[in-house]
Amino acid sequence: MTLIPSEAKKIEVAGATVDFFEEVKNGVSTYYFDTSKCGPPDPMVNAMSGLRLIKNNSNVLVMINHKAPGGLFGKLESDIAHSVEDVEGGLVRVTFTSVDAGVDSDLTQTACH
């Protein structure tokens, strides 16, 4: 079972500890990563690395995880929107987009506390 499209190509992402993939459609990149089998701090570390790819542009980041990352959501300002969807296997898909909100989330804070 994979929740990452087969068309997505593996890419290198600075600071990531899991594989990232990119799918480009109509000039917009969607980046995917799966931390569903990882424990802390990997989901937070990888989310922050991935969020740098979409900051202030129209690209999208999709995180596959074993649960909604509440600690991560608390670190984001209103410039990063997110939606959570339950998917097969008891996992969640979190989709992040950048929003022009006049604030700036600190994407260097990778700890949950």
C-alpha atoms as a PDB file:
ATOM      1  CA  MET A   1       0.000   0.000   0.000  1.00  0.00           C
ATOM      2  CA  THR A   2       1.396   3.356  -0.987  1.00  0.00           C
ATOM      3  CA  LEU A   3      -0.378   6.661  -0.762  1.00  0.00           C
ATOM      4  CA  ILE A   4       2.209   8.419  -2.914  1.00  0.00           C
ATOM      5  CA  PRO A   5       1.341   8.552  -6.630  1.00  0.00           C
ATOM      6  CA  SER A   6       3.467   6.279  -8.815  1.00  0.00           C
ATOM      7  CA  GLU A   7       4.112   9.230 -11.158  1.00  0.00           C
ATOM      8  CA  ALA A   8       5.888  11.170  -8.385  1.00  0.00           C
ATOM      9  CA  LYS A   9       9.686  11.306  -8.699  1.00  0.00           C
ATOM     10  CA  LYS A  10      12.085  10.972  -5.764  1.00  0.00           C
ATOM     11  CA  ILE A  11      13.868  14.221  -4.891  1.00  0.00           C
ATOM     12  CA  GLU A  12      16.465  15.372  -2.359  1.00  0.00           C
ATOM     13  CA  VAL A  13      15.225  17.666   0.407  1.00  0.00           C
ATOM     14  CA  ALA A  14      17.667  19.361   2.785  1.00  0.00           C
ATOM     15  CA  GLY A  15      17.243  18.144   6.363  1.00  0.00           C
ATOM     16  CA  ALA A  16      14.881  15.279   5.489  1.00  0.00           C
ATOM     17  CA  THR A  17      15.260  11.849   7.087  1.00  0.00           C
ATOM     18  CA  VAL A  18      12.734  10.091   4.815  1.00  0.00           C
ATOM     19  CA  ASP A  19      12.294  10.032   1.037  1.00  0.00           C
ATOM     20  CA  PHE A  20      10.459  12.927  -0.599  1.00  0.00           C
ATOM     21  CA  PHE A  21       8.708  12.756  -3.942  1.00  0.00           C
ATOM     22  CA  GLU A  22       7.527  15.438  -6.371  1.00  0.00           C
ATOM     23  CA  GLU A  23       4.662  15.334  -8.845  1.00  0.00           C
ATOM     24  CA  VAL A  24       4.261  18.300 -11.201  1.00  0.00           C
ATOM     25  CA  LYS A  25       0.914  19.097 -12.829  1.00  0.00           C
ATOM     26  CA  ASN A  26       0.041  22.334 -14.621  1.00  0.00           C
ATOM     27  CA  GLY A  27       3.177  24.026 -13.271  1.00  0.00           C
ATOM     28  CA  VAL A  28       2.357  23.247  -9.622  1.00  0.00           C
ATOM     29  CA  SER A  29       4.505  20.836  -7.627  1.00  0.00           C
ATOM     30  CA  THR A  30       3.002  18.534  -5.049  1.00  0.00           C
ATOM     31  CA  TYR A  31       5.583  17.142  -2.647  1.00  0.00           C
ATOM     32  CA  TYR A  32       4.930  13.906  -0.745  1.00  0.00           C
ATOM     33  CA  PHE A  33       6.568  12.200   2.215  1.00  0.00           C
ATOM     34  CA  ASP A  34       5.579   9.314   4.480  1.00  0.00           C
ATOM     35  CA  THR A  35       6.435   9.300   8.189  1.00  0.00           C
ATOM     36  CA  SER A  36       3.739   6.798   9.157  1.00  0.00           C
ATOM     37  CA  LYS A  37       6.341   4.301  10.386  1.00  0.00           C
ATOM     38  CA  CYS A  38       8.525   6.900  12.128  1.00  0.00           C
ATOM     39  CA  GLY A  39       8.590   8.044  15.715  1.00  0.00           C
ATOM     40  CA  PRO A  40       9.366  11.499  17.069  1.00  0.00           C
ATOM     41  CA  PRO A  41      11.055  13.697  16.043  1.00  0.00           C
ATOM     42  CA  ASP A  42      11.003  12.462  12.410  1.00  0.00           C
ATOM     43  CA  PRO A  43       7.459  13.601  11.494  1.00  0.00           C
ATOM     44  CA  MET A  44       8.179  17.148  12.744  1.00  0.00           C
ATOM     45  CA  VAL A  45      11.678  17.299  11.213  1.00  0.00           C
ATOM     46  CA  ASN A  46      10.455  16.164   7.813  1.00  0.00           C
ATOM     47  CA  ALA A  47       7.362  18.363   7.843  1.00  0.00           C
ATOM     48  CA  MET A  48       9.471  21.447   8.565  1.00  0.00           C
ATOM     49  CA  SER A  49      11.890  20.488   5.760  1.00  0.00           C
ATOM     50  CA  GLY A  50       8.987  19.966   3.367  1.00  0.00           C
ATOM     51  CA  LEU A  51       7.169  23.139   4.361  1.00  0.00           C
ATOM     52  CA  ARG A  52      10.189  25.148   3.198  1.00  0.00           C
ATOM     53  CA  LEU A  53       9.424  23.840  -0.326  1.00  0.00           C
ATOM     54  CA  ILE A  54       5.959  25.418  -0.376  1.00  0.00           C
ATOM     55  CA  LYS A  55       6.546  28.604   1.620  1.00  0.00           C
ATOM     56  CA  ASN A  56       5.282  31.660  -0.275  1.00  0.00           C
ATOM     57  CA  ASN A  57       4.344  29.808  -3.473  1.00  0.00           C
ATOM     58  CA  SER A  58       1.455  27.787  -4.913  1.00  0.00           C
ATOM     59  CA  ASN A  59       3.024  24.347  -4.383  1.00  0.00           C
ATOM     60  CA  VAL A  60       1.500  21.741  -2.053  1.00  0.00           C
ATOM     61  CA  LEU A  61       2.980  19.420   0.588  1.00  0.00           C
ATOM     62  CA  VAL A  62       1.348  16.096   1.485  1.00  0.00           C
ATOM     63  CA  MET A  63       2.340  14.245   4.658  1.00  0.00           C
ATOM     64  CA  ILE A  64       1.306  10.637   5.276  1.00  0.00           C
ATOM     65  CA  ASN A  65       1.427   9.901   9.006  1.00  0.00           C
ATOM     66  CA  HIS A  66       0.020   7.508  11.603  1.00  0.00           C
ATOM     67  CA  LYS A  67      -1.944  10.348  13.245  1.00  0.00           C
ATOM     68  CA  ALA A  68      -2.622  14.057  12.864  1.00  0.00           C
ATOM     69  CA  PRO A  69       0.503  15.914  14.030  1.00  0.00           C
ATOM     70  CA  GLY A  70      -1.030  18.199  16.653  1.00  0.00           C
ATOM     71  CA  GLY A  71       2.378  19.386  17.884  1.00  0.00           C
ATOM     72  CA  LEU A  72       3.219  20.524  14.374  1.00  0.00           C
ATOM     73  CA  PHE A  73      -0.065  22.365  13.899  1.00  0.00           C
ATOM     74  CA  GLY A  74       0.641  24.376  17.053  1.00  0.00           C
ATOM     75  CA  LYS A  75       3.872  25.683  15.522  1.00  0.00           C
ATOM     76  CA  LEU A  76       2.287  26.964  12.327  1.00  0.00           C
ATOM     77  CA  GLU A  77       0.983  30.471  11.905  1.00  0.00           C
ATOM     78  CA  SER A  78      -1.913  31.367   9.626  1.00  0.00           C
ATOM     79  CA  ASP A  79       0.487  31.493   6.639  1.00  0.00           C
ATOM     80  CA  ILE A  80       0.413  27.672   6.407  1.00  0.00           C
ATOM     81  CA  ALA A  81      -3.028  26.117   5.918  1.00  0.00           C
ATOM     82  CA  HIS A  82      -3.608  22.407   6.484  1.00  0.00           C
ATOM     83  CA  SER A  83      -6.331  19.832   6.079  1.00  0.00           C
ATOM     84  CA  VAL A  84      -6.442  16.317   7.515  1.00  0.00           C
ATOM     85  CA  GLU A  85      -8.039  13.325   5.821  1.00  0.00           C
ATOM     86  CA  ASP A  86      -8.314   9.778   7.165  1.00  0.00           C
ATOM     87  CA  VAL A  87      -6.994   7.291   4.601  1.00  0.00           C
ATOM     88  CA  GLU A  88      -6.631   3.537   4.251  1.00  0.00           C
ATOM     89  CA  GLY A  89      -4.778   1.559   6.877  1.00  0.00           C
ATOM     90  CA  GLY A  90      -5.733   3.894   9.731  1.00  0.00           C
ATOM     91  CA  LEU A  91      -3.352   6.591   8.490  1.00  0.00           C
ATOM     92  CA  VAL A  92      -3.909  10.285   7.854  1.00  0.00           C
ATOM     93  CA  ARG A  93      -3.021  12.454   4.887  1.00  0.00           C
ATOM     94  CA  VAL A  94      -2.218  16.037   5.843  1.00  0.00           C
ATOM     95  CA  THR A  95      -2.182  18.541   2.991  1.00  0.00           C
ATOM     96  CA  PHE A  96      -0.342  21.837   3.528  1.00  0.00           C
ATOM     97  CA  THR A  97      -0.555  25.001   1.441  1.00  0.00           C
ATOM     98  CA  SER A  98       1.023  28.406   1.817  1.00  0.00           C
ATOM     99  CA  VAL A  99      -1.314  31.353   2.408  1.00  0.00           C
ATOM    100  CA  ASP A 100      -0.504  35.055   2.156  1.00  0.00           C
ATOM    101  CA  ALA A 101      -1.490  35.976   5.703  1.00  0.00           C
ATOM    102  CA  GLY A 102       1.040  38.662   6.632  1.00  0.00           C
ATOM    103  CA  VAL A 103       2.691  36.368   9.206  1.00  0.00           C
ATOM    104  CA  ASP A 104       5.677  34.067   8.942  1.00  0.00           C
ATOM    105  CA  SER A 105       5.810  30.582  10.488  1.00  0.00           C
ATOM    106  CA  ASP A 106       9.212  29.703  11.964  1.00  0.00           C
ATOM    107  CA  LEU A 107      10.108  26.551  10.047  1.00  0.00           C
ATOM    108  CA  THR A 108      13.367  26.035  11.941  1.00  0.00           C
ATOM    109  CA  GLN A 109      11.666  24.797  15.124  1.00  0.00           C
ATOM    110  CA  THR A 110      11.652  21.017  14.724  1.00  0.00           C
ATOM    111  CA  ALA A 111      10.959  19.973  18.331  1.00  0.00           C
ATOM    112  CA  CYS A 112       7.446  19.370  19.626  1.00  0.00           C
ATOM    113  CA  HIS A 113       7.833  21.279  22.903  1.00  0.00           C
END
